[in-house]
Amino acid sequence: MSHLKKALVALACTGAMASGAQAQTTLNMQATWPASLTLYENFLYFADKINKISAGSLKINAMPAGQVVPAFEVLDATHKKVLDGAHAWSGYWVGKNKAAILCTGGPGGTFGMDMIDALGWMHHGGGIDLCNEFFQKELKMNVHWIPILPSGPQAFGWFKRPIKNLADFKGMKCRQTGMAAEVFQKMGMTTVNMPGGEIIPAAQRGVIDCAEWIGGEEDRRLGFHNVWKYHYTPGVHENVTIGEVLINGDVWKALSPAHQELMKSVASDTFVVWWAKWQRQNADALSELQVKHGVQILRTPPDILTQFLKAWDQIAAEEGKKSPFFKKVHDSQKAYAALVVPAKRFMFPPYSFVANYYWPERGAKPAAKAAAKK
């Protein structure tokens, strides 16, 4: 073979390798959220970063709820490879196994952990491995699980009338979901589970008296202020709630190690960057809800929060006796919190300490009212 022919062959091989390296893998993934919500924007941020960093070699075709299957069917659809993956929240799967709620962090404040502590448990306390064990071995689902969406701490909810104490909401019919619904039922509330997009129509028809979604910007976008004017915060039912990316197990294994690491890294980036933006959006939303729409932002009666923690502890203990895996994950969270929470409380000043120095809750006009007079 001549030198020229050898050079041409080498060039052809190099071109083929380069072309193969840029071969595009497209994953069709659906969210459980409508396209109008910031939760969906978390999904879009993830998809956009994957496409950019991979130079187009890995592409996420992100779709909103209902595009291929109903919102609550994305897990089964991912398992069966009807979808390559999903952007969802594990609390929706408690009907299959109640341990699912622990992959969101769980109700009740998760032993005092805040969002970054809960993320720490997932990355450094075995949480990610436990959640993959849960989906793959307990549920027998052919999926890979990655945390991506921090949507807490969440507000207590919206009500058609003021509530003064625990007795005030007993008997009320409210939208709740996950195991939090079971806790509220134990506290005397009648609960109804429905996707976010169905809450406002149900409220307008008088089907429900109150609802919990998320709080702040998410609730503003859904239009809660057009139906109810009493918004209570904080809540401890989804204090550290975290959403997920689910990838079909065969699809995950077929990805190159580089693409797998890319998805995990971009999910972590999405978690932090979106969360910071979301907190600013929530602050803007609370101001607008009060100034423009006349919403009363009220403190949740303390006895409700205390009773929720007590009821959750009882339910979690009962579930742990029935399910060794539930107990295994719950104990893991408690062990991590037992180390991190006391240390953090020692090292960090209470948020309210410096906050009250600069923005005292008493003796000063709320920021929203002050802004309205400017």
Protein backbone atom coordinates (compact mmCIF):
# COMPACT_ATOMS: atom_id res chain seq x y z
CA MET A 1 0.00 0.00 0.00
CA SER A 2 1.36 3.40 -0.98
CA HIS A 3 2.00 6.12 1.56
CA LEU A 4 -0.86 8.11 0.00
CA LYS A 5 -3.30 5.23 0.36
CA LYS A 6 -2.18 4.65 3.96
CA ALA A 7 -2.73 8.32 4.73
CA LEU A 8 -6.20 8.26 3.18
CA VAL A 9 -7.14 5.13 5.14
CA ALA A 10 -5.88 6.70 8.38
CA LEU A 11 -7.82 9.88 7.65
CA ALA A 12 -10.98 7.90 6.95
CA CYS A 13 -10.60 5.98 10.22
CA THR A 14 -10.01 9.18 12.16
CA GLY A 15 -13.10 10.73 10.61
CA ALA A 16 -15.18 7.68 11.43
CA MET A 17 -13.99 7.76 15.05
CA ALA A 18 -14.79 11.46 15.35
CA SER A 19 -18.19 10.90 13.80
CA GLY A 20 -18.86 8.02 16.19
CA ALA A 21 -17.79 10.10 19.19
CA GLN A 22 -20.39 12.69 18.25
CA ALA A 23 -23.18 10.15 17.65
CA GLN A 24 -26.22 11.50 19.43
CA THR A 25 -28.14 9.64 22.13
CA THR A 26 -31.60 11.11 22.71
CA LEU A 27 -33.59 10.27 25.85
CA ASN A 28 -37.33 10.90 25.84
CA MET A 29 -38.28 11.92 29.35
CA GLN A 30 -41.52 13.22 30.86
CA ALA A 31 -42.20 15.22 34.00
CA THR A 32 -45.07 14.92 36.44
CA TRP A 33 -45.45 18.73 36.29
CA PRO A 34 -47.24 21.08 33.88
CA ALA A 35 -44.94 23.16 31.67
CA SER A 36 -46.02 26.37 33.44
CA LEU A 37 -44.36 25.55 36.77
CA THR A 38 -40.86 26.29 38.04
CA LEU A 39 -40.55 22.59 38.85
CA TYR A 40 -40.64 21.99 35.11
CA GLU A 41 -38.01 24.70 34.65
CA ASN A 42 -35.74 22.60 36.88
CA PHE A 43 -36.19 19.82 34.31
CA LEU A 44 -35.51 22.16 31.38
CA TYR A 45 -32.34 23.51 33.03
CA PHE A 46 -31.09 19.94 33.45
CA ALA A 47 -31.87 19.02 29.84
CA ASP A 48 -30.28 22.19 28.45
CA LYS A 49 -27.04 21.73 30.44
CA ILE A 50 -26.77 18.08 29.41
CA ASN A 51 -27.08 19.05 25.75
CA LYS A 52 -24.55 21.91 26.00
CA ILE A 53 -21.87 20.14 28.04
CA SER A 54 -22.06 16.96 25.95
CA ALA A 55 -21.81 19.05 22.76
CA GLY A 56 -25.01 17.42 21.59
CA SER A 57 -23.84 13.83 22.06
CA LEU A 58 -26.45 13.33 24.80
CA LYS A 59 -29.80 15.02 24.40
CA ILE A 60 -32.78 15.06 26.77
CA ASN A 61 -36.14 15.49 25.08
CA ALA A 62 -38.01 17.00 28.05
CA MET A 63 -41.80 16.75 28.05
CA PRO A 64 -44.41 18.08 30.52
CA ALA A 65 -47.03 16.03 32.35
CA GLY A 66 -49.47 14.20 30.12
CA GLN A 67 -47.40 14.40 26.93
CA VAL A 68 -47.07 10.61 26.72
CA VAL A 69 -48.65 9.20 29.89
CA PRO A 70 -50.64 10.72 32.82
CA ALA A 71 -48.55 12.42 35.51
CA PHE A 72 -48.68 9.61 38.05
CA GLU A 73 -47.81 6.88 35.51
CA VAL A 74 -44.27 8.02 34.65
CA LEU A 75 -42.59 5.51 36.99
CA ASP A 76 -44.29 2.51 35.40
CA ALA A 77 -43.74 3.99 31.94
CA THR A 78 -40.01 4.39 32.65
CA HIS A 79 -39.80 0.85 34.02
CA LYS A 80 -41.47 -0.52 30.86
CA LYS A 81 -39.37 1.76 28.63
CA VAL A 82 -42.40 3.56 27.26
CA LEU A 83 -40.32 6.52 28.45
CA ASP A 84 -36.54 6.59 28.72
CA GLY A 85 -36.89 8.52 31.96
CA ALA A 86 -38.92 10.86 34.15
CA HIS A 87 -38.67 13.96 36.30
CA ALA A 88 -40.83 13.26 39.33
CA TRP A 89 -41.20 13.01 43.12
CA SER A 90 -41.00 9.77 45.12
CA GLY A 91 -43.93 10.72 47.33
CA TYR A 92 -46.21 9.85 44.43
CA TRP A 93 -45.22 6.19 44.74
CA VAL A 94 -46.28 5.56 48.36
CA GLY A 95 -49.23 3.54 47.04
CA LYS A 96 -46.67 0.98 45.91
CA ASN A 97 -44.55 1.13 49.07
CA LYS A 98 -44.56 3.75 51.82
CA ALA A 99 -40.77 3.77 52.04
CA ALA A 100 -40.92 5.83 48.83
CA ILE A 101 -41.56 8.95 50.90
CA LEU A 102 -38.13 8.65 52.52
CA CYS A 103 -36.48 9.20 49.13
CA THR A 104 -37.95 12.72 49.24
CA GLY A 105 -36.36 13.31 52.64
CA GLY A 106 -39.68 12.57 54.28
CA PRO A 107 -42.31 14.39 56.37
CA GLY A 108 -41.74 15.72 59.84
CA GLY A 109 -38.59 17.72 59.35
CA THR A 110 -36.38 14.64 58.86
CA PHE A 111 -35.01 14.71 62.43
CA GLY A 112 -34.21 18.42 62.25
CA MET A 113 -32.22 18.32 58.99
CA ASP A 114 -32.58 21.18 56.53
CA MET A 115 -32.33 20.85 52.76
CA ILE A 116 -28.54 20.79 52.54
CA ASP A 117 -28.38 18.23 55.37
CA ALA A 118 -30.89 16.01 53.55
CA LEU A 119 -28.81 16.29 50.39
CA GLY A 120 -25.78 15.42 52.51
CA TRP A 121 -27.51 12.25 53.71
CA MET A 122 -28.18 11.30 50.10
CA HIS A 123 -24.61 11.88 48.90
CA HIS A 124 -22.59 11.13 52.03
CA GLY A 125 -24.90 9.06 54.24
CA GLY A 126 -25.88 6.32 51.80
CA GLY A 127 -29.22 7.80 50.77
CA ILE A 128 -28.71 7.55 47.01
CA ASP A 129 -27.69 3.90 47.29
CA LEU A 130 -30.67 3.16 49.54
CA CYS A 131 -33.10 4.82 47.15
CA ASN A 132 -31.72 2.86 44.20
CA GLU A 133 -32.01 -0.28 46.31
CA PHE A 134 -35.59 0.69 47.07
CA PHE A 135 -36.65 1.13 43.46
CA GLN A 136 -34.67 -1.77 42.04
CA LYS A 137 -35.07 -4.42 44.77
CA GLU A 138 -38.11 -3.44 46.83
CA LEU A 139 -40.31 -2.21 43.96
CA LYS A 140 -38.65 -4.43 41.33
CA MET A 141 -38.49 -1.44 38.99
CA ASN A 142 -35.89 -1.33 36.24
CA VAL A 143 -34.86 2.28 36.91
CA HIS A 144 -31.90 4.33 38.10
CA TRP A 145 -32.62 7.12 40.61
CA ILE A 146 -30.88 10.51 40.99
CA PRO A 147 -31.89 13.43 43.30
CA ILE A 148 -32.34 16.73 41.43
CA LEU A 149 -35.16 18.94 42.70
CA PRO A 150 -35.19 20.80 46.06
CA SER A 151 -38.71 22.18 46.61
CA GLY A 152 -38.82 22.97 50.29
CA PRO A 153 -39.39 24.02 52.92
CA GLN A 154 -43.01 24.11 51.78
CA ALA A 155 -45.83 26.24 53.10
CA PHE A 156 -48.58 24.75 55.24
CA GLY A 157 -51.22 25.60 52.65
CA TRP A 158 -54.19 27.69 51.47
CA PHE A 159 -57.54 27.85 53.25
CA LYS A 160 -60.96 29.26 52.48
CA ARG A 161 -61.16 30.67 56.01
CA PRO A 162 -58.74 31.51 58.85
CA ILE A 163 -57.57 28.72 61.15
CA LYS A 164 -56.55 29.42 64.74
CA ASN A 165 -55.56 25.99 66.00
CA LEU A 166 -55.63 22.28 65.34
CA ALA A 167 -59.35 22.00 66.04
CA ASP A 168 -60.11 24.60 63.36
CA PHE A 169 -59.15 22.42 60.40
CA LYS A 170 -60.55 19.12 61.60
CA GLY A 171 -63.12 17.91 59.10
CA MET A 172 -61.91 20.20 56.32
CA LYS A 173 -61.44 18.55 52.93
CA CYS A 174 -57.96 19.34 51.61
CA ARG A 175 -55.63 18.38 48.80
CA GLN A 176 -52.66 16.57 50.30
CA THR A 177 -50.33 13.95 48.91
CA GLY A 178 -47.71 11.39 49.84
CA MET A 179 -47.57 10.10 53.40
CA ALA A 180 -48.27 13.63 54.61
CA ALA A 181 -51.88 12.96 53.65
CA GLU A 182 -51.92 9.99 56.03
CA VAL A 183 -50.50 12.14 58.82
CA PHE A 184 -53.11 14.87 58.28
CA GLN A 185 -55.86 12.24 58.25
CA LYS A 186 -54.63 11.07 61.64
CA MET A 187 -54.93 14.70 62.77
CA GLY A 188 -58.57 14.92 61.65
CA MET A 189 -58.35 16.33 58.12
CA THR A 190 -60.13 14.74 55.15
CA THR A 191 -57.59 14.51 52.34
CA VAL A 192 -57.79 14.20 48.56
CA ASN A 193 -54.81 13.42 46.31
CA MET A 194 -54.62 15.04 42.87
CA PRO A 195 -51.95 16.38 40.50
CA GLY A 196 -51.03 20.07 40.78
CA GLY A 197 -52.88 21.01 37.61
CA GLU A 198 -56.20 19.80 39.04
CA ILE A 199 -56.11 21.69 42.34
CA ILE A 200 -57.52 25.07 41.26
CA PRO A 201 -60.43 23.63 39.21
CA ALA A 202 -61.35 21.47 42.21
CA ALA A 203 -61.17 24.50 44.51
CA GLN A 204 -63.32 26.58 42.14
CA ARG A 205 -65.98 23.86 42.12
CA GLY A 206 -65.95 23.75 45.93
CA VAL A 207 -64.74 20.15 45.95
CA ILE A 208 -61.98 21.03 48.44
CA ASP A 209 -61.78 23.60 51.26
CA CYS A 210 -58.00 23.94 51.32
CA ALA A 211 -54.90 22.68 49.61
CA GLU A 212 -51.18 22.25 49.94
CA TRP A 213 -49.00 22.55 46.88
CA ILE A 214 -45.62 24.17 47.54
CA GLY A 215 -45.81 27.86 48.40
CA GLY A 216 -44.44 31.09 46.96
CA GLU A 217 -43.89 31.25 43.20
CA GLU A 218 -45.34 27.82 42.45
CA ASP A 219 -48.62 28.69 44.15
CA ARG A 220 -48.74 32.09 42.47
CA ARG A 221 -48.36 30.48 39.06
CA LEU A 222 -51.13 28.01 39.71
CA GLY A 223 -53.41 30.86 40.79
CA PHE A 224 -54.27 29.94 44.38
CA HIS A 225 -54.79 33.65 45.14
CA ASN A 226 -57.72 33.71 42.72
CA VAL A 227 -59.60 31.22 44.89
CA TRP A 228 -58.41 31.65 48.48
CA LYS A 229 -56.88 34.55 50.42
CA TYR A 230 -55.54 32.80 53.54
CA HIS A 231 -52.06 31.36 53.08
CA TYR A 232 -50.32 29.73 56.06
CA THR A 233 -46.61 29.07 56.45
CA PRO A 234 -44.41 27.32 57.45
CA GLY A 235 -45.17 23.62 57.27
CA VAL A 236 -43.22 20.56 58.38
CA HIS A 237 -44.94 18.06 56.09
CA GLU A 238 -42.40 18.62 53.28
CA ASN A 239 -39.61 20.50 54.99
CA VAL A 240 -36.79 19.01 52.92
CA THR A 241 -38.74 17.54 50.03
CA ILE A 242 -36.58 16.50 47.09
CA GLY A 243 -37.57 15.42 43.57
CA GLU A 244 -35.91 12.90 41.29
CA VAL A 245 -34.71 11.95 37.86
CA LEU A 246 -35.58 8.38 36.92
CA ILE A 247 -33.80 6.64 34.03
CA ASN A 248 -34.80 3.27 32.63
CA GLY A 249 -32.24 0.75 33.91
CA ASP A 250 -31.33 -0.63 30.47
CA VAL A 251 -31.01 2.90 29.09
CA TRP A 252 -28.77 3.85 32.03
CA LYS A 253 -26.48 0.84 31.52
CA ALA A 254 -26.24 1.60 27.79
CA LEU A 255 -24.93 5.10 28.48
CA SER A 256 -21.16 5.56 28.45
CA PRO A 257 -19.50 6.05 31.86
CA ALA A 258 -18.83 9.66 30.82
CA HIS A 259 -22.50 10.27 30.08
CA GLN A 260 -23.54 8.65 33.36
CA GLU A 261 -21.19 10.92 35.29
CA LEU A 262 -22.40 13.88 33.28
CA MET A 263 -26.02 13.21 34.26
CA LYS A 264 -25.13 12.87 37.94
CA SER A 265 -22.99 16.02 37.94
CA VAL A 266 -25.54 18.12 36.06
CA ALA A 267 -28.26 16.91 38.44
CA SER A 268 -26.19 18.24 41.37
CA ASP A 269 -25.60 21.54 39.54
CA THR A 270 -29.31 21.79 38.79
CA PHE A 271 -30.17 21.15 42.43
CA VAL A 272 -28.07 24.05 43.74
CA VAL A 273 -28.49 26.64 40.97
CA TRP A 274 -32.24 26.18 40.59
CA TRP A 275 -32.79 26.19 44.36
CA ALA A 276 -31.01 29.54 44.79
CA LYS A 277 -33.04 31.10 41.96
CA TRP A 278 -36.25 29.61 43.33
CA GLN A 279 -35.79 31.17 46.76
CA ARG A 280 -35.53 34.61 45.13
CA GLN A 281 -38.64 33.87 43.06
CA ASN A 282 -40.49 32.87 46.23
CA ALA A 283 -39.58 36.17 47.92
CA ASP A 284 -40.88 38.14 44.92
CA ALA A 285 -44.03 36.03 44.84
CA LEU A 286 -44.86 36.54 48.53
CA SER A 287 -44.60 40.29 48.07
CA GLU A 288 -46.83 40.23 44.98
CA LEU A 289 -49.41 37.96 46.61
CA GLN A 290 -49.81 40.40 49.49
CA VAL A 291 -49.53 43.75 47.67
CA LYS A 292 -51.29 42.98 44.41
CA HIS A 293 -53.72 40.24 45.33
CA GLY A 294 -54.56 40.94 48.97
CA VAL A 295 -53.46 37.56 50.26
CA GLN A 296 -52.97 37.26 53.99
CA ILE A 297 -49.65 35.48 54.69
CA LEU A 298 -50.13 34.02 58.17
CA ARG A 299 -48.07 31.99 60.62
CA THR A 300 -49.15 28.38 61.00
CA PRO A 301 -50.48 27.80 64.55
CA PRO A 302 -47.63 26.09 66.49
CA ASP A 303 -49.88 23.38 67.91
CA ILE A 304 -50.55 22.13 64.37
CA LEU A 305 -46.84 21.81 63.63
CA THR A 306 -46.13 20.07 66.94
CA GLN A 307 -49.02 17.65 66.47
CA PHE A 308 -47.85 16.88 62.95
CA LEU A 309 -44.41 15.86 64.24
CA LYS A 310 -45.99 13.65 66.90
CA ALA A 311 -48.37 12.02 64.43
CA TRP A 312 -45.59 11.44 61.89
CA ASP A 313 -43.32 9.86 64.51
CA GLN A 314 -46.14 7.45 65.43
CA ILE A 315 -46.87 6.53 61.81
CA ALA A 316 -43.17 6.13 60.97
CA ALA A 317 -42.66 3.86 64.00
CA GLU A 318 -45.68 1.75 63.02
CA GLU A 319 -44.48 1.50 59.42
CA GLY A 320 -40.99 0.55 60.58
CA LYS A 321 -42.45 -2.43 62.46
CA LYS A 322 -44.23 -3.60 59.31
CA SER A 323 -41.45 -2.88 56.82
CA PRO A 324 -37.79 -3.71 57.58
CA PHE A 325 -36.71 -1.61 54.60
CA PHE A 326 -38.66 1.44 55.78
CA LYS A 327 -36.96 1.09 59.17
CA LYS A 328 -33.56 0.64 57.53
CA VAL A 329 -33.85 3.92 55.60
CA HIS A 330 -35.48 5.84 58.45
CA ASP A 331 -32.76 4.67 60.86
CA SER A 332 -30.12 5.76 58.34
CA GLN A 333 -31.59 9.25 58.23
CA LYS A 334 -31.76 9.42 62.01
CA ALA A 335 -28.14 8.30 62.41
CA TYR A 336 -26.94 10.92 59.93
CA ALA A 337 -29.06 13.64 61.56
CA ALA A 338 -27.84 12.66 65.04
CA LEU A 339 -24.34 13.60 63.96
CA VAL A 340 -24.97 16.58 61.65
CA VAL A 341 -27.87 18.44 63.28
CA PRO A 342 -26.37 18.96 66.78
CA ALA A 343 -23.01 19.98 65.25
CA LYS A 344 -24.64 22.40 62.86
CA ARG A 345 -26.75 23.91 65.62
CA PHE A 346 -23.55 24.52 67.56
CA MET A 347 -21.64 26.03 64.63
CA PHE A 348 -24.41 28.03 62.91
CA PRO A 349 -26.25 30.95 64.52
CA PRO A 350 -30.03 30.52 64.31
CA TYR A 351 -31.34 32.02 61.06
CA SER A 352 -33.65 34.24 63.07
CA PHE A 353 -30.80 35.76 65.11
CA VAL A 354 -29.20 37.87 62.38
CA ALA A 355 -32.47 38.09 60.44
CA ASN A 356 -34.22 39.75 63.36
CA TYR A 357 -31.29 42.12 63.87
CA TYR A 358 -31.68 43.53 60.36
CA TRP A 359 -35.31 42.67 59.62
CA PRO A 360 -37.10 42.47 62.99
CA GLU A 361 -40.49 40.75 62.89
CA ARG A 362 -41.88 43.08 65.54
CA GLY A 363 -41.90 46.83 65.55
CA ALA A 364 -41.33 47.13 61.81
CA LYS A 365 -43.56 47.11 58.76
CA PRO A 366 -43.47 43.93 56.66
CA ALA A 367 -41.38 44.34 53.51
CA ALA A 368 -44.42 43.87 51.30
CA LYS A 369 -46.36 46.73 52.95
CA ALA A 370 -43.35 48.99 52.87
CA ALA A 371 -42.86 48.28 49.16
CA ALA A 372 -46.50 49.06 48.48
CA LYS A 373 -46.16 52.59 49.89
CA LYS A 374 -43.14 53.51 47.79
